[in-house]
All heavy atoms as atom14 arrays in JSON, in Angstrom:
{
  "sequence": "GGSLRLSCAASGRSFTPLAMGWFRQAPGKEREFVAAVSWTVGYSYYAD",
  "atom14_mask": [
    [1, 1, 1, 1, 0, 0, 0, 0, 0, 0, 0, 0, 0, 0],
    [1, 1, 1, 1, 0, 0, 0, 0, 0, 0, 0, 0, 0, 0],
    [1, 1, 1, 1, 1, 1, 0, 0, 0, 0, 0, 0, 0, 0],
    [1, 1, 1, 1, 1, 1, 1, 1, 0, 0, 0, 0, 0, 0],
    [1, 1, 1, 1, 1, 1, 1, 1, 1, 1, 1, 0, 0, 0],
    [1, 1, 1, 1, 1, 1, 1, 1, 0, 0, 0, 0, 0, 0],
    [1, 1, 1, 1, 1, 1, 0, 0, 0, 0, 0, 0, 0, 0],
    [1, 1, 1, 1, 1, 1, 0, 0, 0, 0, 0, 0, 0, 0],
    [1, 1, 1, 1, 1, 0, 0, 0, 0, 0, 0, 0, 0, 0],
    [1, 1, 1, 1, 1, 0, 0, 0, 0, 0, 0, 0, 0, 0],
    [1, 1, 1, 1, 1, 1, 0, 0, 0, 0, 0, 0, 0, 0],
    [1, 1, 1, 1, 0, 0, 0, 0, 0, 0, 0, 0, 0, 0],
    [1, 1, 1, 1, 1, 1, 1, 1, 1, 1, 1, 0, 0, 0],
    [1, 1, 1, 1, 1, 1, 0, 0, 0, 0, 0, 0, 0, 0],
    [1, 1, 1, 1, 1, 1, 1, 1, 1, 1, 1, 0, 0, 0],
    [1, 1, 1, 1, 1, 1, 1, 0, 0, 0, 0, 0, 0, 0],
    [1, 1, 1, 1, 1, 1, 1, 0, 0, 0, 0, 0, 0, 0],
    [1, 1, 1, 1, 1, 1, 1, 1, 0, 0, 0, 0, 0, 0],
    [1, 1, 1, 1, 1, 0, 0, 0, 0, 0, 0, 0, 0, 0],
    [1, 1, 1, 1, 1, 1, 1, 1, 0, 0, 0, 0, 0, 0],
    [1, 1, 1, 1, 0, 0, 0, 0, 0, 0, 0, 0, 0, 0],
    [1, 1, 1, 1, 1, 1, 1, 1, 1, 1, 1, 1, 1, 1],
    [1, 1, 1, 1, 1, 1, 1, 1, 1, 1, 1, 0, 0, 0],
    [1, 1, 1, 1, 1, 1, 1, 1, 1, 1, 1, 0, 0, 0],
    [1, 1, 1, 1, 1, 1, 1, 1, 1, 0, 0, 0, 0, 0],
    [1, 1, 1, 1, 1, 0, 0, 0, 0, 0, 0, 0, 0, 0],
    [1, 1, 1, 1, 1, 1, 1, 0, 0, 0, 0, 0, 0, 0],
    [1, 1, 1, 1, 0, 0, 0, 0, 0, 0, 0, 0, 0, 0],
    [1, 1, 1, 1, 1, 1, 1, 1, 1, 0, 0, 0, 0, 0],
    [1, 1, 1, 1, 1, 1, 1, 1, 1, 0, 0, 0, 0, 0],
    [1, 1, 1, 1, 1, 1, 1, 1, 1, 1, 1, 0, 0, 0],
    [1, 1, 1, 1, 1, 1, 1, 1, 1, 0, 0, 0, 0, 0],
    [1, 1, 1, 1, 1, 1, 1, 1, 1, 1, 1, 0, 0, 0],
    [1, 1, 1, 1, 1, 1, 1, 0, 0, 0, 0, 0, 0, 0],
    [1, 1, 1, 1, 1, 0, 0, 0, 0, 0, 0, 0, 0, 0],
    [1, 1, 1, 1, 1, 0, 0, 0, 0, 0, 0, 0, 0, 0],
    [1, 1, 1, 1, 1, 1, 1, 0, 0, 0, 0, 0, 0, 0],
    [1, 1, 1, 1, 1, 1, 0, 0, 0, 0, 0, 0, 0, 0],
    [1, 1, 1, 1, 1, 1, 1, 1, 1, 1, 1, 1, 1, 1],
    [1, 1, 1, 1, 1, 1, 1, 0, 0, 0, 0, 0, 0, 0],
    [1, 1, 1, 1, 1, 1, 1, 0, 0, 0, 0, 0, 0, 0],
    [1, 1, 1, 1, 0, 0, 0, 0, 0, 0, 0, 0, 0, 0],
    [1, 1, 1, 1, 1, 1, 1, 1, 1, 1, 1, 1, 0, 0],
    [1, 1, 1, 1, 1, 1, 0, 0, 0, 0, 0, 0, 0, 0],
    [1, 1, 1, 1, 1, 1, 1, 1, 1, 1, 1, 1, 0, 0],
    [1, 1, 1, 1, 1, 1, 1, 1, 1, 1, 1, 1, 0, 0],
    [1, 1, 1, 1, 1, 0, 0, 0, 0, 0, 0, 0, 0, 0],
    [1, 1, 1, 1, 1, 1, 1, 1, 0, 0, 0, 0, 0, 0]
  ],
  "atom14_positions": [
    [[-69.64, -143.06, -62.37], [-69.65, -141.94, -61.43], [-71.0, -141.71, -60.78], [-71.1, -140.95, -59.8], [0.0, 0.0, 0.0], [0.0, 0.0, 0.0], [0.0, 0.0, 0.0], [0.0, 0.0, 0.0], [0.0, 0.0, 0.0], [0.0, 0.0, 0.0], [0.0, 0.0, 0.0], [0.0, 0.0, 0.0], [0.0, 0.0, 0.0], [0.0, 0.0, 0.0]],
    [[-72.01, -142.36, -61.29], [-73.36, -142.19, -60.76], [-73.63, -143.07, -59.55], [-72.73, -143.75, -59.03], [0.0, 0.0, 0.0], [0.0, 0.0, 0.0], [0.0, 0.0, 0.0], [0.0, 0.0, 0.0], [0.0, 0.0, 0.0], [0.0, 0.0, 0.0], [0.0, 0.0, 0.0], [0.0, 0.0, 0.0], [0.0, 0.0, 0.0], [0.0, 0.0, 0.0]],
    [[-74.88, -143.04, -59.11], [-75.29, -143.78, -57.91], [-76.54, -144.59, -58.16], [-77.37, -144.22, -59.02], [-75.55, -142.8, -56.76], [-74.4, -142.06, -56.43], [0.0, 0.0, 0.0], [0.0, 0.0, 0.0], [0.0, 0.0, 0.0], [0.0, 0.0, 0.0], [0.0, 0.0, 0.0], [0.0, 0.0, 0.0], [0.0, 0.0, 0.0], [0.0, 0.0, 0.0]],
    [[-76.67, -145.67, -57.41], [-77.88, -146.48, -57.39], [-78.09, -146.99, -55.98], [-77.11, -147.14, -55.22], [-77.77, -147.68, -58.33], [-78.01, -147.49, -59.82], [-77.73, -148.79, -60.57], [-79.42, -147.0, -60.1], [0.0, 0.0, 0.0], [0.0, 0.0, 0.0], [0.0, 0.0, 0.0], [0.0, 0.0, 0.0], [0.0, 0.0, 0.0], [0.0, 0.0, 0.0]],
    [[-79.34, -147.26, -55.64], [-79.65, -147.82, -54.33], [-80.47, -149.09, -54.52], [-81.53, -149.07, -55.15], [-80.44, -146.82, -53.49], [-80.68, -147.26, -52.05], [-81.3, -146.12, -51.27], [-81.44, -146.39, -49.86], [-82.58, -146.69, -49.27], [-83.69, -146.78, -49.98], [-82.63, -146.92, -47.97], [0.0, 0.0, 0.0], [0.0, 0.0, 0.0], [0.0, 0.0, 0.0]],
    [[-79.93, -150.18, -54.0], [-80.62, -151.46, -54.06], [-81.31, -151.72, -52.73], [-80.79, -151.35, -51.68], [-79.64, -152.6, -54.35], [-78.77, -152.47, -55.6], [-77.91, -153.72, -55.76], [-79.6, -152.22, -56.84], [0.0, 0.0, 0.0], [0.0, 0.0, 0.0], [0.0, 0.0, 0.0], [0.0, 0.0, 0.0], [0.0, 0.0, 0.0], [0.0, 0.0, 0.0]],
    [[-82.46, -152.36, -52.81], [-83.19, -152.72, -51.6], [-83.51, -154.21, -51.61], [-83.62, -154.82, -52.68], [-84.47, -151.91, -51.49], [-84.18, -150.54, -51.33], [0.0, 0.0, 0.0], [0.0, 0.0, 0.0], [0.0, 0.0, 0.0], [0.0, 0.0, 0.0], [0.0, 0.0, 0.0], [0.0, 0.0, 0.0], [0.0, 0.0, 0.0], [0.0, 0.0, 0.0]],
    [[-83.68, -154.76, -50.43], [-83.95, -156.19, -50.32], [-84.81, -156.42, -49.1], [-84.57, -155.85, -48.03], [-82.63, -156.94, -50.2], [-82.8, -158.69, -49.79], [0.0, 0.0, 0.0], [0.0, 0.0, 0.0], [0.0, 0.0, 0.0], [0.0, 0.0, 0.0], [0.0, 0.0, 0.0], [0.0, 0.0, 0.0], [0.0, 0.0, 0.0], [0.0, 0.0, 0.0]],
    [[-85.79, -157.29, -49.25], [-86.66, -157.65, -48.14], [-86.77, -159.16, -48.05], [-87.0, -159.84, -49.05], [-88.04, -157.04, -48.33], [0.0, 0.0, 0.0], [0.0, 0.0, 0.0], [0.0, 0.0, 0.0], [0.0, 0.0, 0.0], [0.0, 0.0, 0.0], [0.0, 0.0, 0.0], [0.0, 0.0, 0.0], [0.0, 0.0, 0.0], [0.0, 0.0, 0.0]],
    [[-86.6, -159.67, -46.84], [-86.75, -161.1, -46.59], [-88.07, -161.31, -45.87], [-88.44, -160.55, -44.98], [-85.61, -161.62, -45.74], [0.0, 0.0, 0.0], [0.0, 0.0, 0.0], [0.0, 0.0, 0.0], [0.0, 0.0, 0.0], [0.0, 0.0, 0.0], [0.0, 0.0, 0.0], [0.0, 0.0, 0.0], [0.0, 0.0, 0.0], [0.0, 0.0, 0.0]],
    [[-88.78, -162.35, -46.26], [-90.06, -162.63, -45.63], [-90.28, -164.13, -45.55], [-89.67, -164.91, -46.27], [-91.2, -161.97, -46.42], [-91.26, -162.51, -47.72], [0.0, 0.0, 0.0], [0.0, 0.0, 0.0], [0.0, 0.0, 0.0], [0.0, 0.0, 0.0], [0.0, 0.0, 0.0], [0.0, 0.0, 0.0], [0.0, 0.0, 0.0], [0.0, 0.0, 0.0]],
    [[-91.18, -164.51, -44.69], [-91.5, -165.92, -44.53], [-91.88, -166.22, -43.1], [-91.37, -165.58, -42.17], [0.0, 0.0, 0.0], [0.0, 0.0, 0.0], [0.0, 0.0, 0.0], [0.0, 0.0, 0.0], [0.0, 0.0, 0.0], [0.0, 0.0, 0.0], [0.0, 0.0, 0.0], [0.0, 0.0, 0.0], [0.0, 0.0, 0.0], [0.0, 0.0, 0.0]],
    [[-92.72, -167.17, -42.97], [-93.22, -167.53, -41.65], [-92.08, -168.0, -40.75], [-91.32, -168.88, -41.11], [-94.27, -168.63, -41.77], [-95.0, -168.94, -40.51], [-96.14, -169.9, -40.77], [-96.9, -170.17, -39.57], [-97.98, -170.95, -39.54], [-98.41, -171.52, -40.65], [-98.61, -171.15, -38.42], [0.0, 0.0, 0.0], [0.0, 0.0, 0.0], [0.0, 0.0, 0.0]],
    [[-91.94, -167.37, -39.61], [-90.94, -167.74, -38.61], [-89.51, -167.62, -39.1], [-88.62, -168.28, -38.57], [-91.19, -169.18, -38.1], [-92.47, -169.29, -37.54], [0.0, 0.0, 0.0], [0.0, 0.0, 0.0], [0.0, 0.0, 0.0], [0.0, 0.0, 0.0], [0.0, 0.0, 0.0], [0.0, 0.0, 0.0], [0.0, 0.0, 0.0], [0.0, 0.0, 0.0]],
    [[-89.3, -166.81, -40.12], [-87.95, -166.65, -40.64], [-87.37, -165.35, -40.12], [-87.88, -164.27, -40.43], [-87.94, -166.65, -42.17], [-86.57, -166.46, -42.77], [-85.56, -167.39, -42.55], [-86.28, -165.36, -43.56], [-84.3, -167.23, -43.11], [-85.03, -165.19, -44.12], [-84.04, -166.12, -43.89], [0.0, 0.0, 0.0], [0.0, 0.0, 0.0], [0.0, 0.0, 0.0]],
    [[-86.29, -165.45, -39.37], [-85.62, -164.28, -38.83], [-84.15, -164.34, -39.2], [-83.37, -165.04, -38.55], [-85.77, -164.22, -37.3], [-87.15, -164.23, -36.95], [-85.1, -162.96, -36.77], [0.0, 0.0, 0.0], [0.0, 0.0, 0.0], [0.0, 0.0, 0.0], [0.0, 0.0, 0.0], [0.0, 0.0, 0.0], [0.0, 0.0, 0.0], [0.0, 0.0, 0.0]],
    [[-83.75, -163.63, -40.24], [-82.35, -163.66, -40.63], [-81.47, -162.97, -39.6], [-81.84, -161.93, -39.05], [-82.33, -162.9, -41.97], [-83.54, -162.05, -41.94], [-84.56, -162.79, -41.13], [0.0, 0.0, 0.0], [0.0, 0.0, 0.0], [0.0, 0.0, 0.0], [0.0, 0.0, 0.0], [0.0, 0.0, 0.0], [0.0, 0.0, 0.0], [0.0, 0.0, 0.0]],
    [[-80.32, -163.55, -39.34], [-79.35, -162.97, -38.42], [-78.32, -162.14, -39.17], [-77.58, -161.36, -38.55], [-78.68, -164.06, -37.6], [-79.62, -164.91, -36.74], [-78.82, -165.91, -35.92], [-80.48, -164.05, -35.84], [0.0, 0.0, 0.0], [0.0, 0.0, 0.0], [0.0, 0.0, 0.0], [0.0, 0.0, 0.0], [0.0, 0.0, 0.0], [0.0, 0.0, 0.0]],
    [[-78.25, -162.34, -40.45], [-77.36, -161.56, -41.3], [-77.96, -161.5, -42.69], [-78.64, -162.43, -43.12], [-75.97, -162.18, -41.37], [0.0, 0.0, 0.0], [0.0, 0.0, 0.0], [0.0, 0.0, 0.0], [0.0, 0.0, 0.0], [0.0, 0.0, 0.0], [0.0, 0.0, 0.0], [0.0, 0.0, 0.0], [0.0, 0.0, 0.0], [0.0, 0.0, 0.0]],
    [[-77.72, -160.4, -43.37], [-78.14, -160.25, -44.75], [-77.02, -159.6, -45.53], [-76.28, -158.77, -44.99], [-79.43, -159.44, -44.86], [-80.64, -160.13, -44.24], [-82.18, -159.2, -44.42], [-82.48, -159.33, -46.19], [0.0, 0.0, 0.0], [0.0, 0.0, 0.0], [0.0, 0.0, 0.0], [0.0, 0.0, 0.0], [0.0, 0.0, 0.0], [0.0, 0.0, 0.0]],
    [[-76.91, -159.98, -46.78], [-75.79, -159.45, -47.55], [-76.09, -159.37, -49.02], [-77.15, -159.79, -49.5], [0.0, 0.0, 0.0], [0.0, 0.0, 0.0], [0.0, 0.0, 0.0], [0.0, 0.0, 0.0], [0.0, 0.0, 0.0], [0.0, 0.0, 0.0], [0.0, 0.0, 0.0], [0.0, 0.0, 0.0], [0.0, 0.0, 0.0], [0.0, 0.0, 0.0]],
    [[-75.13, -158.82, -49.75], [-75.19, -158.68, -51.19], [-73.99, -159.35, -51.83], [-72.86, -159.2, -51.37], [-75.2, -157.21, -51.58], [-76.45, -156.48, -51.18], [-76.65, -155.79, -50.02], [-77.66, -156.37, -51.92], [-77.92, -155.26, -50.01], [-78.57, -155.6, -51.18], [-78.08, -156.85, -53.18], [-79.85, -155.3, -51.62], [-79.36, -156.55, -53.62], [-80.24, -155.79, -52.84]],
    [[-74.26, -160.07, -52.88], [-73.24, -160.66, -53.73], [-73.5, -160.18, -55.16], [-74.58, -159.69, -55.46], [-73.29, -162.19, -53.67], [-72.82, -162.77, -52.37], [-73.6, -162.68, -51.23], [-71.6, -163.42, -52.28], [-73.17, -163.21, -50.01], [-71.17, -163.97, -51.08], [-71.95, -163.86, -49.96], [0.0, 0.0, 0.0], [0.0, 0.0, 0.0], [0.0, 0.0, 0.0]],
    [[-72.53, -160.34, -56.03], [-72.74, -159.98, -57.42], [-72.02, -160.96, -58.33], [-71.05, -161.59, -57.94], [-72.25, -158.55, -57.7], [-70.74, -158.36, -57.58], [-70.4, -156.88, -57.73], [-68.96, -156.65, -57.66], [-68.4, -155.44, -57.63], [-69.17, -154.35, -57.65], [-67.1, -155.31, -57.58], [0.0, 0.0, 0.0], [0.0, 0.0, 0.0], [0.0, 0.0, 0.0]],
    [[-72.55, -161.06, -59.53], [-71.97, -161.97, -60.51], [-71.97, -161.32, -61.88], [-73.03, -161.01, -62.43], [-72.74, -163.29, -60.55], [-72.08, -164.36, -61.38], [-72.69, -165.73, -61.16], [-73.77, -165.87, -60.6], [-71.97, -166.76, -61.57], [0.0, 0.0, 0.0], [0.0, 0.0, 0.0], [0.0, 0.0, 0.0], [0.0, 0.0, 0.0], [0.0, 0.0, 0.0]],
    [[-70.78, -161.12, -62.4], [-70.62, -160.58, -63.73], [-70.56, -161.73, -64.74], [-70.23, -162.86, -64.36], [-69.35, -159.74, -63.8], [0.0, 0.0, 0.0], [0.0, 0.0, 0.0], [0.0, 0.0, 0.0], [0.0, 0.0, 0.0], [0.0, 0.0, 0.0], [0.0, 0.0, 0.0], [0.0, 0.0, 0.0], [0.0, 0.0, 0.0], [0.0, 0.0, 0.0]],
    [[-70.85, -161.49, -66.0], [-70.82, -162.56, -67.0], [-69.47, -163.27, -67.03], [-68.42, -162.62, -67.09], [-71.08, -161.82, -68.31], [-71.86, -160.62, -67.91], [-71.31, -160.21, -66.58], [0.0, 0.0, 0.0], [0.0, 0.0, 0.0], [0.0, 0.0, 0.0], [0.0, 0.0, 0.0], [0.0, 0.0, 0.0], [0.0, 0.0, 0.0], [0.0, 0.0, 0.0]],
    [[-69.51, -164.59, -66.96], [-68.29, -165.38, -67.03], [-67.46, -165.41, -65.78], [-66.35, -165.95, -65.77], [0.0, 0.0, 0.0], [0.0, 0.0, 0.0], [0.0, 0.0, 0.0], [0.0, 0.0, 0.0], [0.0, 0.0, 0.0], [0.0, 0.0, 0.0], [0.0, 0.0, 0.0], [0.0, 0.0, 0.0], [0.0, 0.0, 0.0], [0.0, 0.0, 0.0]],
    [[-67.98, -164.83, -64.71], [-67.23, -164.78, -63.45], [-67.98, -165.47, -62.32], [-69.2, -165.69, -62.41], [-66.92, -163.34, -63.06], [-65.98, -162.64, -64.03], [-65.55, -161.28, -63.5], [-64.54, -160.62, -64.4], [-64.09, -159.31, -63.86], [0.0, 0.0, 0.0], [0.0, 0.0, 0.0], [0.0, 0.0, 0.0], [0.0, 0.0, 0.0], [0.0, 0.0, 0.0]],
    [[-67.26, -165.77, -61.26], [-67.87, -166.36, -60.09], [-68.67, -165.31, -59.32], [-68.38, -164.11, -59.39], [-66.78, -166.92, -59.16], [-65.99, -168.09, -59.72], [-66.83, -169.35, -59.74], [-67.62, -169.54, -58.81], [-66.7, -170.14, -60.71], [0.0, 0.0, 0.0], [0.0, 0.0, 0.0], [0.0, 0.0, 0.0], [0.0, 0.0, 0.0], [0.0, 0.0, 0.0]],
    [[-69.67, -165.79, -58.59], [-70.42, -164.89, -57.72], [-69.5, -164.45, -56.58], [-68.87, -165.28, -55.93], [-71.67, -165.58, -57.18], [-72.63, -164.65, -56.47], [-73.93, -165.35, -56.13], [-74.63, -165.81, -57.33], [-75.87, -166.3, -57.32], [-76.54, -166.39, -56.19], [-76.43, -166.7, -58.45], [0.0, 0.0, 0.0], [0.0, 0.0, 0.0], [0.0, 0.0, 0.0]],
    [[-69.43, -163.15, -56.34], [-68.52, -162.64, -55.33], [-69.23, -161.8, -54.28], [-70.26, -161.18, -54.54], [-67.42, -161.78, -55.99], [-67.92, -160.53, -56.67], [-66.79, -159.67, -57.23], [-65.64, -160.09, -57.21], [-67.11, -158.53, -57.67], [0.0, 0.0, 0.0], [0.0, 0.0, 0.0], [0.0, 0.0, 0.0], [0.0, 0.0, 0.0], [0.0, 0.0, 0.0]],
    [[-68.64, -161.77, -53.11], [-69.18, -161.02, -51.98], [-69.04, -159.52, -52.24], [-68.02, -159.06, -52.76], [-68.42, -161.4, -50.72], [-68.75, -160.57, -49.52], [-69.88, -160.84, -48.76], [-67.94, -159.51, -49.15], [-70.19, -160.06, -47.66], [-68.24, -158.72, -48.06], [-69.37, -159.01, -47.31], [0.0, 0.0, 0.0], [0.0, 0.0, 0.0], [0.0, 0.0, 0.0]],
    [[-70.06, -158.76, -51.83], [-70.02, -157.3, -51.95], [-70.06, -156.66, -50.56], [-69.17, -155.91, -50.18], [-71.18, -156.78, -52.8], [-71.18, -155.25, -52.83], [-71.12, -157.34, -54.22], [0.0, 0.0, 0.0], [0.0, 0.0, 0.0], [0.0, 0.0, 0.0], [0.0, 0.0, 0.0], [0.0, 0.0, 0.0], [0.0, 0.0, 0.0], [0.0, 0.0, 0.0]],
    [[-71.1, -156.95, -49.81], [-71.28, -156.34, -48.49], [-72.29, -157.14, -47.7], [-73.13, -157.83, -48.28], [-71.73, -154.9, -48.61], [0.0, 0.0, 0.0], [0.0, 0.0, 0.0], [0.0, 0.0, 0.0], [0.0, 0.0, 0.0], [0.0, 0.0, 0.0], [0.0, 0.0, 0.0], [0.0, 0.0, 0.0], [0.0, 0.0, 0.0], [0.0, 0.0, 0.0]],
    [[-72.2, -157.04, -46.38], [-73.17, -157.75, -45.53], [-73.25, -157.05, -44.18], [-72.33, -156.32, -43.78], [-72.77, -159.21, -45.34], [0.0, 0.0, 0.0], [0.0, 0.0, 0.0], [0.0, 0.0, 0.0], [0.0, 0.0, 0.0], [0.0, 0.0, 0.0], [0.0, 0.0, 0.0], [0.0, 0.0, 0.0], [0.0, 0.0, 0.0], [0.0, 0.0, 0.0]],
    [[-74.34, -157.29, -43.51], [-74.52, -156.8, -42.15], [-74.92, -157.97, -41.28], [-75.81, -158.75, -41.64], [-75.55, -155.66, -42.09], [-76.9, -156.09, -42.65], [-75.69, -155.15, -40.66], [0.0, 0.0, 0.0], [0.0, 0.0, 0.0], [0.0, 0.0, 0.0], [0.0, 0.0, 0.0], [0.0, 0.0, 0.0], [0.0, 0.0, 0.0], [0.0, 0.0, 0.0]],
    [[-74.25, -158.1, -40.15], [-74.58, -159.13, -39.17], [-75.24, -158.44, -37.99], [-74.59, -157.67, -37.28], [-73.33, -159.87, -38.71], [-73.63, -160.69, -37.59], [0.0, 0.0, 0.0], [0.0, 0.0, 0.0], [0.0, 0.0, 0.0], [0.0, 0.0, 0.0], [0.0, 0.0, 0.0], [0.0, 0.0, 0.0], [0.0, 0.0, 0.0], [0.0, 0.0, 0.0]],
    [[-76.52, -158.69, -37.81], [-77.22, -158.04, -36.71], [-76.84, -158.63, -35.36], [-76.95, -157.98, -34.35], [-78.73, -158.14, -36.95], [-79.17, -157.19, -38.0], [-78.92, -155.84, -38.03], [-79.91, -157.47, -39.19], [-79.46, -155.29, -39.17], [-80.09, -156.26, -39.89], [-80.45, -158.64, -39.71], [-80.78, -156.19, -41.1], [-81.14, -158.57, -40.9], [-81.3, -157.35, -41.59]],
    [[-76.37, -159.83, -35.36], [-75.93, -160.46, -34.12], [-74.65, -159.8, -33.62], [-74.51, -159.51, -32.44], [-75.7, -161.95, -34.32], [-76.9, -162.55, -34.83], [-75.33, -162.62, -33.01], [0.0, 0.0, 0.0], [0.0, 0.0, 0.0], [0.0, 0.0, 0.0], [0.0, 0.0, 0.0], [0.0, 0.0, 0.0], [0.0, 0.0, 0.0], [0.0, 0.0, 0.0]],
    [[-73.73, -159.61, -34.52], [-72.44, -159.02, -34.16], [-72.53, -157.49, -34.14], [-71.78, -156.82, -33.42], [-71.35, -159.47, -35.16], [-70.02, -158.83, -34.84], [-71.24, -160.98, -35.14], [0.0, 0.0, 0.0], [0.0, 0.0, 0.0], [0.0, 0.0, 0.0], [0.0, 0.0, 0.0], [0.0, 0.0, 0.0], [0.0, 0.0, 0.0], [0.0, 0.0, 0.0]],
    [[-73.45, -156.94, -34.93], [-73.57, -155.49, -35.01], [-72.48, -154.86, -35.84], [-71.94, -153.81, -35.49], [0.0, 0.0, 0.0], [0.0, 0.0, 0.0], [0.0, 0.0, 0.0], [0.0, 0.0, 0.0], [0.0, 0.0, 0.0], [0.0, 0.0, 0.0], [0.0, 0.0, 0.0], [0.0, 0.0, 0.0], [0.0, 0.0, 0.0], [0.0, 0.0, 0.0]],
    [[-72.15, -155.51, -36.95], [-71.02, -155.06, -37.76], [-71.37, -155.21, -39.23], [-72.11, -156.1, -39.62], [-69.79, -155.91, -37.42], [-68.49, -155.34, -37.92], [-67.89, -154.27, -37.27], [-67.86, -155.89, -39.03], [-66.7, -153.75, -37.73], [-66.67, -155.38, -39.49], [-66.08, -154.32, -38.84], [-64.91, -153.8, -39.28], [0.0, 0.0, 0.0], [0.0, 0.0, 0.0]],
    [[-70.81, -154.31, -40.03], [-70.97, -154.38, -41.48], [-69.65, -154.78, -42.12], [-68.59, -154.39, -41.66], [-71.43, -153.03, -42.03], [-72.68, -152.68, -41.5], [0.0, 0.0, 0.0], [0.0, 0.0, 0.0], [0.0, 0.0, 0.0], [0.0, 0.0, 0.0], [0.0, 0.0, 0.0], [0.0, 0.0, 0.0], [0.0, 0.0, 0.0], [0.0, 0.0, 0.0]],
    [[-69.75, -155.52, -43.19], [-68.57, -156.05, -43.88], [-68.61, -155.61, -45.35], [-69.68, -155.56, -45.94], [-68.55, -157.58, -43.83], [-68.61, -158.17, -42.44], [-69.82, -158.25, -41.75], [-67.46, -158.66, -41.82], [-69.88, -158.8, -40.48], [-67.52, -159.23, -40.56], [-68.73, -159.29, -39.9], [-68.79, -159.84, -38.64], [0.0, 0.0, 0.0], [0.0, 0.0, 0.0]],
    [[-67.44, -155.35, -45.91], [-67.36, -154.91, -47.3], [-66.21, -155.59, -48.03], [-65.16, -155.86, -47.44], [-67.13, -153.39, -47.37], [-68.27, -152.57, -46.82], [-68.27, -152.15, -45.49], [-69.35, -152.22, -47.63], [-69.32, -151.41, -44.98], [-70.4, -151.46, -47.13], [-70.38, -151.07, -45.81], [-71.42, -150.32, -45.3], [0.0, 0.0, 0.0], [0.0, 0.0, 0.0]],
    [[-66.42, -155.84, -49.3], [-65.31, -156.27, -50.15], [-64.39, -155.08, -50.36], [-64.84, -153.93, -50.4], [-65.85, -156.75, -51.49], [0.0, 0.0, 0.0], [0.0, 0.0, 0.0], [0.0, 0.0, 0.0], [0.0, 0.0, 0.0], [0.0, 0.0, 0.0], [0.0, 0.0, 0.0], [0.0, 0.0, 0.0], [0.0, 0.0, 0.0], [0.0, 0.0, 0.0]],
    [[-63.11, -155.34, -50.51], [-62.14, -154.26, -50.71], [-62.49, -153.41, -51.92], [-62.25, -152.19, -51.93], [-60.74, -154.83, -50.86], [-60.18, -155.38, -49.56], [-60.71, -155.02, -48.48], [-59.22, -156.17, -49.61], [0.0, 0.0, 0.0], [0.0, 0.0, 0.0], [0.0, 0.0, 0.0], [0.0, 0.0, 0.0], [0.0, 0.0, 0.0], [0.0, 0.0, 0.0]]
  ]
}
């Protein structure tokens, strides 16, 4: 029922990400998509 806020920063010479996202992996499970933002399209995506 609580809340958390995750942050992420990308850096590197001449590196300009066009999209950034979050995935998660629980023990014994595959890494799965959580959410992403595409700055090119201007849209956010979420797992159900």
